[in-house]
PDB file of all heavy atoms in Angstrom:
ATOM      1  N   LEU A   1      48.208  27.864  30.664  1.00  0.00           N
ATOM      2  CA  LEU A   1      47.849  28.774  29.508  1.00  0.00           C
ATOM      3  C   LEU A   1      48.181  28.258  28.148  1.00  0.00           C
ATOM      4  O   LEU A   1      47.469  28.449  27.238  1.00  0.00           O
ATOM      5  CB  LEU A   1      48.476  30.161  29.809  1.00  0.00           C
ATOM      6  CG  LEU A   1      47.919  30.922  30.936  1.00  0.00           C
ATOM      7  CD1 LEU A   1      48.557  32.240  31.272  1.00  0.00           C
ATOM      8  CD2 LEU A   1      46.454  31.171  30.837  1.00  0.00           C
ATOM      9  N   LYS A   2      49.345  27.517  28.166  1.00  0.00           N
ATOM     10  CA  LYS A   2      49.760  27.026  26.818  1.00  0.00           C
ATOM     11  C   LYS A   2      49.230  25.527  26.606  1.00  0.00           C
ATOM     12  O   LYS A   2      49.572  24.967  25.639  1.00  0.00           O
ATOM     13  CB  LYS A   2      51.300  27.101  26.727  1.00  0.00           C
ATOM     14  CG  LYS A   2      51.823  28.501  26.704  1.00  0.00           C
ATOM     15  CD  LYS A   2      53.272  28.582  26.601  1.00  0.00           C
ATOM     16  CE  LYS A   2      53.784  28.353  25.161  1.00  0.00           C
ATOM     17  NZ  LYS A   2      53.375  29.356  24.207  1.00  0.00           N
ATOM     18  N   LYS A   3      48.624  25.131  27.688  1.00  0.00           N
ATOM     19  CA  LYS A   3      48.038  23.683  27.630  1.00  0.00           C
ATOM     20  C   LYS A   3      49.192  22.598  27.230  1.00  0.00           C
ATOM     21  O   LYS A   3      48.942  21.862  26.397  1.00  0.00           O
ATOM     22  CB  LYS A   3      46.937  23.529  26.665  1.00  0.00           C
ATOM     23  CG  LYS A   3      45.725  24.493  26.963  1.00  0.00           C
ATOM     24  CD  LYS A   3      44.595  24.231  25.976  1.00  0.00           C
ATOM     25  CE  LYS A   3      43.479  25.229  26.284  1.00  0.00           C
ATOM     26  NZ  LYS A   3      43.008  25.267  27.697  1.00  0.00           N
ATOM     27  N   ILE A   4      50.236  22.639  27.970  1.00  0.00           N
ATOM     28  CA  ILE A   4      51.310  21.825  27.858  1.00  0.00           C
ATOM     29  C   ILE A   4      51.732  21.155  29.216  1.00  0.00           C
ATOM     30  O   ILE A   4      51.184  21.584  30.236  1.00  0.00           O
ATOM     31  CB  ILE A   4      52.563  22.445  27.217  1.00  0.00           C
ATOM     32  CG1 ILE A   4      52.966  23.605  28.134  1.00  0.00           C
ATOM     33  CG2 ILE A   4      52.299  22.975  25.828  1.00  0.00           C
ATOM     34  CD1 ILE A   4      54.225  24.401  27.639  1.00  0.00           C
ATOM     35  N   ALA A   5      52.472  20.123  29.172  1.00  0.00           N
ATOM     36  CA  ALA A   5      52.910  19.387  30.518  1.00  0.00           C
ATOM     37  C   ALA A   5      53.823  20.342  31.213  1.00  0.00           C
ATOM     38  O   ALA A   5      54.575  21.116  30.622  1.00  0.00           O
ATOM     39  CB  ALA A   5      53.514  18.028  30.045  1.00  0.00           C
ATOM     40  N   PRO A   6      53.860  20.140  32.483  1.00  0.00           N
ATOM     41  CA  PRO A   6      54.752  20.935  33.428  1.00  0.00           C
ATOM     42  C   PRO A   6      56.199  20.802  32.972  1.00  0.00           C
ATOM     43  O   PRO A   6      56.962  21.816  33.026  1.00  0.00           O
ATOM     44  CB  PRO A   6      54.521  20.374  34.776  1.00  0.00           C
ATOM     45  CG  PRO A   6      53.135  19.788  34.729  1.00  0.00           C
ATOM     46  CD  PRO A   6      53.014  19.343  33.316  1.00  0.00           C
ATOM     47  N   ALA A   7      56.651  19.659  32.603  1.00  0.00           N
ATOM     48  CA  ALA A   7      58.051  19.457  32.115  1.00  0.00           C
ATOM     49  C   ALA A   7      58.378  20.285  30.918  1.00  0.00           C
ATOM     50  O   ALA A   7      59.371  20.784  30.744  1.00  0.00           O
ATOM     51  CB  ALA A   7      58.357  17.961  31.834  1.00  0.00           C
ATOM     52  N   GLU A   8      57.305  20.263  30.005  1.00  0.00           N
ATOM     53  CA  GLU A   8      57.560  21.090  28.752  1.00  0.00           C
ATOM     54  C   GLU A   8      57.552  22.549  29.094  1.00  0.00           C
ATOM     55  O   GLU A   8      58.285  23.414  28.483  1.00  0.00           O
ATOM     56  CB  GLU A   8      56.499  20.787  27.824  1.00  0.00           C
ATOM     57  CG  GLU A   8      56.625  21.347  26.391  1.00  0.00           C
ATOM     58  CD  GLU A   8      55.606  20.948  25.463  1.00  0.00           C
ATOM     59  OE1 GLU A   8      54.847  19.964  25.741  1.00  0.00           O
ATOM     60  OE2 GLU A   8      55.551  21.553  24.243  1.00  0.00           O
ATOM     61  N   ALA A   9      56.687  22.977  30.019  1.00  0.00           N
ATOM     62  CA  ALA A   9      56.613  24.315  30.380  1.00  0.00           C
ATOM     63  C   ALA A   9      57.921  24.746  31.071  1.00  0.00           C
ATOM     64  O   ALA A   9      58.412  25.857  30.836  1.00  0.00           O
ATOM     65  CB  ALA A   9      55.459  24.537  31.430  1.00  0.00           C
ATOM     66  N   GLU A  10      58.468  23.922  31.914  1.00  0.00           N
ATOM     67  CA  GLU A  10      59.766  24.230  32.577  1.00  0.00           C
ATOM     68  C   GLU A  10      60.864  24.341  31.520  1.00  0.00           C
ATOM     69  O   GLU A  10      61.726  25.314  31.572  1.00  0.00           O
ATOM     70  CB  GLU A  10      60.158  23.089  33.568  1.00  0.00           C
ATOM     71  CG  GLU A  10      61.339  23.464  34.368  1.00  0.00           C
ATOM     72  CD  GLU A  10      61.615  22.525  35.409  1.00  0.00           C
ATOM     73  OE1 GLU A  10      60.742  21.512  35.658  1.00  0.00           O
ATOM     74  OE2 GLU A  10      62.730  22.575  36.124  1.00  0.00           O
ATOM     75  N   ARG A  11      60.848  23.480  30.467  1.00  0.00           N
ATOM     76  CA  ARG A  11      61.867  23.503  29.405  1.00  0.00           C
ATOM     77  C   ARG A  11      61.588  24.861  28.557  1.00  0.00           C
ATOM     78  O   ARG A  11      62.584  25.539  28.306  1.00  0.00           O
ATOM     79  CB  ARG A  11      61.749  22.304  28.532  1.00  0.00           C
ATOM     80  CG  ARG A  11      62.793  22.244  27.460  1.00  0.00           C
ATOM     81  CD  ARG A  11      62.904  20.887  26.829  1.00  0.00           C
ATOM     82  NE  ARG A  11      61.562  20.429  26.293  1.00  0.00           N
ATOM     83  CZ  ARG A  11      60.878  19.537  26.862  1.00  0.00           C
ATOM     84  NH1 ARG A  11      61.193  18.952  27.969  1.00  0.00           N
ATOM     85  NH2 ARG A  11      59.635  19.139  26.280  1.00  0.00           N
ATOM     86  N   TRP A  12      60.469  25.171  28.386  1.00  0.00           N
ATOM     87  CA  TRP A  12      60.113  26.412  27.636  1.00  0.00           C
ATOM     88  C   TRP A  12      60.602  27.657  28.337  1.00  0.00           C
ATOM     89  O   TRP A  12      61.196  28.507  27.718  1.00  0.00           O
ATOM     90  CB  TRP A  12      58.563  26.561  27.407  1.00  0.00           C
ATOM     91  CG  TRP A  12      58.197  27.663  26.578  1.00  0.00           C
ATOM     92  CD1 TRP A  12      58.166  27.679  25.179  1.00  0.00           C
ATOM     93  CD2 TRP A  12      57.792  28.971  26.998  1.00  0.00           C
ATOM     94  NE1 TRP A  12      57.702  28.941  24.763  1.00  0.00           N
ATOM     95  CE2 TRP A  12      57.559  29.747  25.812  1.00  0.00           C
ATOM     96  CE3 TRP A  12      57.791  29.544  28.208  1.00  0.00           C
ATOM     97  CZ2 TRP A  12      57.137  31.091  25.925  1.00  0.00           C
ATOM     98  CZ3 TRP A  12      57.363  30.892  28.375  1.00  0.00           C
ATOM     99  CH2 TRP A  12      57.080  31.682  27.172  1.00  0.00           C
ATOM    100  N   LEU A  13      60.511  27.735  29.696  1.00  0.00           N
ATOM    101  CA  LEU A  13      61.021  28.826  30.431  1.00  0.00           C
ATOM    102  C   LEU A  13      62.534  28.928  30.345  1.00  0.00           C
ATOM    103  O   LEU A  13      62.997  30.012  30.257  1.00  0.00           O
ATOM    104  CB  LEU A  13      60.549  28.562  31.938  1.00  0.00           C
ATOM    105  CG  LEU A  13      59.098  29.066  32.314  1.00  0.00           C
ATOM    106  CD1 LEU A  13      58.739  28.599  33.790  1.00  0.00           C
ATOM    107  CD2 LEU A  13      58.934  30.602  32.166  1.00  0.00           C
ATOM    108  N   ALA A  14      63.117  27.756  30.485  1.00  0.00           N
ATOM    109  CA  ALA A  14      64.629  27.801  30.348  1.00  0.00           C
ATOM    110  C   ALA A  14      65.142  28.258  28.989  1.00  0.00           C
ATOM    111  O   ALA A  14      66.074  28.968  28.946  1.00  0.00           O
ATOM    112  CB  ALA A  14      65.110  26.330  30.642  1.00  0.00           C
ATOM    113  N   GLU A  15      64.517  27.750  27.886  1.00  0.00           N
ATOM    114  CA  GLU A  15      64.749  28.258  26.611  1.00  0.00           C
ATOM    115  C   GLU A  15      64.509  29.673  26.402  1.00  0.00           C
ATOM    116  O   GLU A  15      65.384  30.317  25.797  1.00  0.00           O
ATOM    117  CB  GLU A  15      63.967  27.385  25.547  1.00  0.00           C
ATOM    118  CG  GLU A  15      64.448  25.960  25.547  1.00  0.00           C
ATOM    119  CD  GLU A  15      63.516  25.159  24.700  1.00  0.00           C
ATOM    120  OE1 GLU A  15      62.464  25.672  24.146  1.00  0.00           O
ATOM    121  OE2 GLU A  15      63.905  23.892  24.491  1.00  0.00           O
ATOM    122  N   GLU A  16      63.381  30.116  26.894  1.00  0.00           N
ATOM    123  CA  GLU A  16      63.150  31.558  26.705  1.00  0.00           C
ATOM    124  C   GLU A  16      64.137  32.489  27.452  1.00  0.00           C
ATOM    125  O   GLU A  16      64.573  33.536  27.004  1.00  0.00           O
ATOM    126  CB  GLU A  16      61.716  31.903  27.180  1.00  0.00           C
ATOM    127  CG  GLU A  16      60.688  31.394  26.292  1.00  0.00           C
ATOM    128  CD  GLU A  16      60.760  32.019  24.875  1.00  0.00           C
ATOM    129  OE1 GLU A  16      60.701  33.256  24.846  1.00  0.00           O
ATOM    130  OE2 GLU A  16      60.926  31.362  23.947  1.00  0.00           O
ATOM    131  N   ALA A  17      64.453  32.035  28.716  1.00  0.00           N
ATOM    132  CA  ALA A  17      65.471  32.741  29.579  1.00  0.00           C
ATOM    133  C   ALA A  17      66.798  32.861  28.872  1.00  0.00           C
ATOM    134  O   ALA A  17      67.512  33.837  28.754  1.00  0.00           O
ATOM    135  CB  ALA A  17      65.542  32.169  30.908  1.00  0.00           C
ATOM    136  N   ALA A  18      67.241  31.707  28.313  1.00  0.00           N
ATOM    137  CA  ALA A  18      68.495  31.612  27.520  1.00  0.00           C
ATOM    138  C   ALA A  18      68.483  32.476  26.282  1.00  0.00           C
ATOM    139  O   ALA A  18      69.438  33.273  26.001  1.00  0.00           O
ATOM    140  CB  ALA A  18      68.816  30.190  27.094  1.00  0.00           C
ATOM    141  N   ARG A  19      67.298  32.536  25.638  1.00  0.00           N
ATOM    142  CA  ARG A  19      67.270  33.364  24.401  1.00  0.00           C
ATOM    143  C   ARG A  19      67.337  34.793  24.819  1.00  0.00           C
ATOM    144  O   ARG A  19      67.888  35.602  24.080  1.00  0.00           O
ATOM    145  CB  ARG A  19      65.867  33.059  23.782  1.00  0.00           C
ATOM    146  CG  ARG A  19      65.740  33.873  22.353  1.00  0.00           C
ATOM    147  CD  ARG A  19      64.461  33.335  21.721  1.00  0.00           C
ATOM    148  NE  ARG A  19      64.562  31.949  21.274  1.00  0.00           N
ATOM    149  CZ  ARG A  19      63.775  31.047  21.732  1.00  0.00           C
ATOM    150  NH1 ARG A  19      62.826  31.358  22.639  1.00  0.00           N
ATOM    151  NH2 ARG A  19      63.849  29.774  21.330  1.00  0.00           N
ATOM    152  N   ALA A  20      66.807  35.198  25.931  1.00  0.00           N
ATOM    153  CA  ALA A  20      66.698  36.581  26.298  1.00  0.00           C
ATOM    154  C   ALA A  20      68.037  36.940  27.119  1.00  0.00           C
ATOM    155  O   ALA A  20      68.190  38.038  27.513  1.00  0.00           O
ATOM    156  CB  ALA A  20      65.467  36.866  27.207  1.00  0.00           C
ATOM    157  N   GLN A  21      68.823  35.842  27.340  1.00  0.00           N
ATOM    158  CA  GLN A  21      70.126  36.052  28.175  1.00  0.00           C
ATOM    159  C   GLN A  21      69.706  36.676  29.551  1.00  0.00           C
ATOM    160  O   GLN A  21      70.453  37.704  29.925  1.00  0.00           O
ATOM    161  CB  GLN A  21      71.093  36.988  27.355  1.00  0.00           C
ATOM    162  CG  GLN A  21      71.562  36.294  26.062  1.00  0.00           C
ATOM    163  CD  GLN A  21      72.585  37.130  25.388  1.00  0.00           C
ATOM    164  OE1 GLN A  21      72.776  38.351  25.644  1.00  0.00           O
ATOM    165  NE2 GLN A  21      73.366  36.439  24.488  1.00  0.00           N
ATOM    166  N   ARG A  22      68.826  36.067  30.179  1.00  0.00           N
ATOM    167  CA  ARG A  22      68.475  36.592  31.549  1.00  0.00           C
ATOM    168  C   ARG A  22      68.290  35.281  32.448  1.00  0.00           C
ATOM    169  O   ARG A  22      67.948  34.176  31.925  1.00  0.00           O
ATOM    170  CB  ARG A  22      67.157  37.330  31.417  1.00  0.00           C
ATOM    171  CG  ARG A  22      67.314  38.621  30.746  1.00  0.00           C
ATOM    172  CD  ARG A  22      66.058  39.478  30.880  1.00  0.00           C
ATOM    173  NE  ARG A  22      66.205  40.712  30.183  1.00  0.00           N
ATOM    174  CZ  ARG A  22      65.233  41.724  30.147  1.00  0.00           C
ATOM    175  NH1 ARG A  22      64.015  41.440  30.630  1.00  0.00           N
ATOM    176  NH2 ARG A  22      65.431  42.811  29.530  1.00  0.00           N
ATOM    177  N   PRO A  23      68.356  35.475  33.731  1.00  0.00           N
ATOM    178  CA  PRO A  23      68.177  34.409  34.658  1.00  0.00           C
ATOM    179  C   PRO A  23      66.753  33.849  34.559  1.00  0.00           C
ATOM    180  O   PRO A  23      65.904  34.566  34.338  1.00  0.00           O
ATOM    181  CB  PRO A  23      68.503  35.095  36.058  1.00  0.00           C
ATOM    182  CG  PRO A  23      69.225  36.198  35.818  1.00  0.00           C
ATOM    183  CD  PRO A  23      68.751  36.722  34.478  1.00  0.00           C
ATOM    184  N   VAL A  24      66.613  32.489  34.625  1.00  0.00           N
ATOM    185  CA  VAL A  24      65.352  31.949  34.517  1.00  0.00           C
ATOM    186  C   VAL A  24      64.414  32.431  35.633  1.00  0.00           C
ATOM    187  O   VAL A  24      63.146  32.428  35.494  1.00  0.00           O
ATOM    188  CB  VAL A  24      65.378  30.372  34.490  1.00  0.00           C
ATOM    189  CG1 VAL A  24      65.842  29.879  35.925  1.00  0.00           C
ATOM    190  CG2 VAL A  24      64.075  29.817  34.141  1.00  0.00           C
ATOM    191  N   GLU A  25      65.017  32.784  36.861  1.00  0.00           N
ATOM    192  CA  GLU A  25      64.168  33.328  37.951  1.00  0.00           C
ATOM    193  C   GLU A  25      63.492  34.607  37.595  1.00  0.00           C
ATOM    194  O   GLU A  25      62.451  34.897  38.010  1.00  0.00           O
ATOM    195  CB  GLU A  25      65.059  33.356  39.229  1.00  0.00           C
ATOM    196  CG  GLU A  25      65.650  32.218  39.864  1.00  0.00           C
ATOM    197  CD  GLU A  25      66.806  31.654  39.194  1.00  0.00           C
ATOM    198  OE1 GLU A  25      67.312  32.236  38.295  1.00  0.00           O
ATOM    199  OE2 GLU A  25      67.294  30.564  39.617  1.00  0.00           O
ATOM    200  N   GLU A  26      64.271  35.433  36.842  1.00  0.00           N
ATOM    201  CA  GLU A  26      63.741  36.714  36.496  1.00  0.00           C
ATOM    202  C   GLU A  26      62.608  36.519  35.526  1.00  0.00           C
ATOM    203  O   GLU A  26      61.494  37.220  35.713  1.00  0.00           O
ATOM    204  CB  GLU A  26      64.824  37.628  35.807  1.00  0.00           C
ATOM    205  CG  GLU A  26      64.370  38.877  35.364  1.00  0.00           C
ATOM    206  CD  GLU A  26      65.465  39.745  34.737  1.00  0.00           C
ATOM    207  OE1 GLU A  26      66.594  39.593  34.973  1.00  0.00           O
ATOM    208  OE2 GLU A  26      65.095  40.562  33.756  1.00  0.00           O
ATOM    209  N   LEU A  27      62.641  35.583  34.552  1.00  0.00           N
ATOM    210  CA  LEU A  27      61.577  35.287  33.699  1.00  0.00           C
ATOM    211  C   LEU A  27      60.380  34.747  34.391  1.00  0.00           C
ATOM    212  O   LEU A  27      59.248  35.101  34.087  1.00  0.00           O
ATOM    213  CB  LEU A  27      62.077  34.272  32.527  1.00  0.00           C
ATOM    214  CG  LEU A  27      60.949  33.850  31.674  1.00  0.00           C
ATOM    215  CD1 LEU A  27      60.396  34.952  30.864  1.00  0.00           C
ATOM    216  CD2 LEU A  27      61.595  32.841  30.711  1.00  0.00           C
ATOM    217  N   ALA A  28      60.685  33.853  35.318  1.00  0.00           N
ATOM    218  CA  ALA A  28      59.554  33.240  36.179  1.00  0.00           C
ATOM    219  C   ALA A  28      58.830  34.351  36.932  1.00  0.00           C
ATOM    220  O   ALA A  28      57.554  34.418  37.003  1.00  0.00           O
ATOM    221  CB  ALA A  28      60.038  32.331  37.031  1.00  0.00           C
ATOM    222  N   ASP A  29      59.571  35.351  37.347  1.00  0.00           N
ATOM    223  CA  ASP A  29      58.938  36.505  38.215  1.00  0.00           C
ATOM    224  C   ASP A  29      58.149  37.257  37.204  1.00  0.00           C
ATOM    225  O   ASP A  29      56.964  37.702  37.630  1.00  0.00           O
ATOM    226  CB  ASP A  29      60.083  37.318  38.746  1.00  0.00           C
ATOM    227  CG  ASP A  29      59.439  38.372  39.790  1.00  0.00           C
ATOM    228  OD1 ASP A  29      58.623  37.930  40.494  1.00  0.00           O
ATOM    229  OD2 ASP A  29      59.924  39.465  39.717  1.00  0.00           O
ATOM    230  N   ARG A  30      58.621  37.520  35.985  1.00  0.00           N
ATOM    231  CA  ARG A  30      57.848  38.297  35.072  1.00  0.00           C
ATOM    232  C   ARG A  30      56.541  37.539  34.691  1.00  0.00           C
ATOM    233  O   ARG A  30      55.509  38.226  34.425  1.00  0.00           O
ATOM    234  CB  ARG A  30      58.635  38.579  33.834  1.00  0.00           C
ATOM    235  CG  ARG A  30      59.788  39.612  33.983  1.00  0.00           C
ATOM    236  CD  ARG A  30      60.661  39.682  32.804  1.00  0.00           C
ATOM    237  NE  ARG A  30      61.587  40.715  32.973  1.00  0.00           N
ATOM    238  CZ  ARG A  30      61.418  41.984  32.638  1.00  0.00           C
ATOM    239  NH1 ARG A  30      60.317  42.433  32.172  1.00  0.00           N
ATOM    240  NH2 ARG A  30      62.476  42.880  32.833  1.00  0.00           N
ATOM    241  N   VAL A  31      56.581  36.245  34.580  1.00  0.00           N
ATOM    242  CA  VAL A  31      55.443  35.532  34.199  1.00  0.00           C
ATOM    243  C   VAL A  31      54.355  35.553  35.275  1.00  0.00           C
ATOM    244  O   VAL A  31      53.195  35.842  34.971  1.00  0.00           O
ATOM    245  CB  VAL A  31      55.765  33.955  34.042  1.00  0.00           C
ATOM    246  CG1 VAL A  31      54.534  33.058  33.993  1.00  0.00           C
ATOM    247  CG2 VAL A  31      56.644  33.704  32.884  1.00  0.00           C
ATOM    248  N   ILE A  32      54.828  35.518  36.568  1.00  0.00           N
ATOM    249  CA  ILE A  32      53.778  35.654  37.683  1.00  0.00           C
ATOM    250  C   ILE A  32      53.247  37.079  37.732  1.00  0.00           C
ATOM    251  O   ILE A  32      51.982  37.261  37.877  1.00  0.00           O
ATOM    252  CB  ILE A  32      54.517  35.351  39.042  1.00  0.00           C
ATOM    253  CG1 ILE A  32      55.002  33.829  38.948  1.00  0.00           C
ATOM    254  CG2 ILE A  32      53.641  35.526  40.096  1.00  0.00           C
ATOM    255  CD1 ILE A  32      55.858  33.460  40.048  1.00  0.00           C
ATOM    256  N   ILE A  33      54.149  38.102  37.659  1.00  0.00           N
ATOM    257  CA  ILE A  33      53.544  39.503  37.654  1.00  0.00           C
ATOM    258  C   ILE A  33      52.574  39.770  36.416  1.00  0.00           C
ATOM    259  O   ILE A  33      51.583  40.315  36.580  1.00  0.00           O
ATOM    260  CB  ILE A  33      54.719  40.420  37.571  1.00  0.00           C
ATOM    261  CG1 ILE A  33      55.524  40.393  38.829  1.00  0.00           C
ATOM    262  CG2 ILE A  33      54.287  41.855  37.474  1.00  0.00           C
ATOM    263  CD1 ILE A  33      56.778  41.127  38.889  1.00  0.00           C
ATOM    264  N   THR A  34      53.002  39.299  35.283  1.00  0.00           N
ATOM    265  CA  THR A  34      52.170  39.520  34.085  1.00  0.00           C
ATOM    266  C   THR A  34      50.821  38.901  34.234  1.00  0.00           C
ATOM    267  O   THR A  34      49.800  39.406  33.941  1.00  0.00           O
ATOM    268  CB  THR A  34      52.908  38.959  32.796  1.00  0.00           C
ATOM    269  OG1 THR A  34      54.130  39.685  32.776  1.00  0.00           O
ATOM    270  CG2 THR A  34      52.021  39.296  31.597  1.00  0.00           C
ATOM    271  N   ARG A  35      50.875  37.592  34.701  1.00  0.00           N
ATOM    272  CA  ARG A  35      49.545  36.827  34.928  1.00  0.00           C
ATOM    273  C   ARG A  35      48.687  37.546  35.897  1.00  0.00           C
ATOM    274  O   ARG A  35      47.486  37.671  35.793  1.00  0.00           O
ATOM    275  CB  ARG A  35      49.990  35.493  35.384  1.00  0.00           C
ATOM    276  CG  ARG A  35      48.843  34.551  35.682  1.00  0.00           C
ATOM    277  CD  ARG A  35      47.791  34.413  34.595  1.00  0.00           C
ATOM    278  NE  ARG A  35      46.774  33.465  34.854  1.00  0.00           N
ATOM    279  CZ  ARG A  35      45.718  33.276  34.150  1.00  0.00           C
ATOM    280  NH1 ARG A  35      45.565  33.989  32.993  1.00  0.00           N
ATOM    281  NH2 ARG A  35      44.878  32.361  34.395  1.00  0.00           N
ATOM    282  N   SER A  36      49.397  38.078  37.009  1.00  0.00           N
ATOM    283  CA  SER A  36      48.571  38.697  38.009  1.00  0.00           C
ATOM    284  C   SER A  36      47.977  39.999  37.602  1.00  0.00           C
ATOM    285  O   SER A  36      46.837  40.369  37.876  1.00  0.00           O
ATOM    286  CB  SER A  36      49.498  39.011  39.195  1.00  0.00           C
ATOM    287  OG  SER A  36      49.895  37.871  39.797  1.00  0.00           O
ATOM    288  N   THR A  37      48.644  40.809  36.749  1.00  0.00           N
ATOM    289  CA  THR A  37      48.241  42.076  36.339  1.00  0.00           C
ATOM    290  C   THR A  37      47.261  42.041  35.144  1.00  0.00           C
ATOM    291  O   THR A  37      46.453  42.988  34.962  1.00  0.00           O
ATOM    292  CB  THR A  37      49.454  43.034  36.014  1.00  0.00           C
ATOM    293  OG1 THR A  37      50.258  42.436  34.948  1.00  0.00           O
ATOM    294  CG2 THR A  37      50.292  43.324  37.205  1.00  0.00           C
ATOM    295  N   THR A  38      47.386  40.983  34.348  1.00  0.00           N
ATOM    296  CA  THR A  38      46.507  40.911  33.191  1.00  0.00           C
ATOM    297  C   THR A  38      45.271  40.011  33.387  1.00  0.00           C
ATOM    298  O   THR A  38      44.385  39.953  32.621  1.00  0.00           O
ATOM    299  CB  THR A  38      47.274  40.332  31.991  1.00  0.00           C
ATOM    300  OG1 THR A  38      47.823  39.099  32.157  1.00  0.00           O
ATOM    301  CG2 THR A  38      48.465  41.291  31.546  1.00  0.00           C
TER     302      THR A  38
END
């Protein structure tokens, strides 16, 4: 969706999780749920 490389996407997920102070697994789960529902 962001048209970036997988390594950059993984780094982006880690940074967003750190910024939100939540586990990266929780963020990944939200990404999948949001993608599925929208």
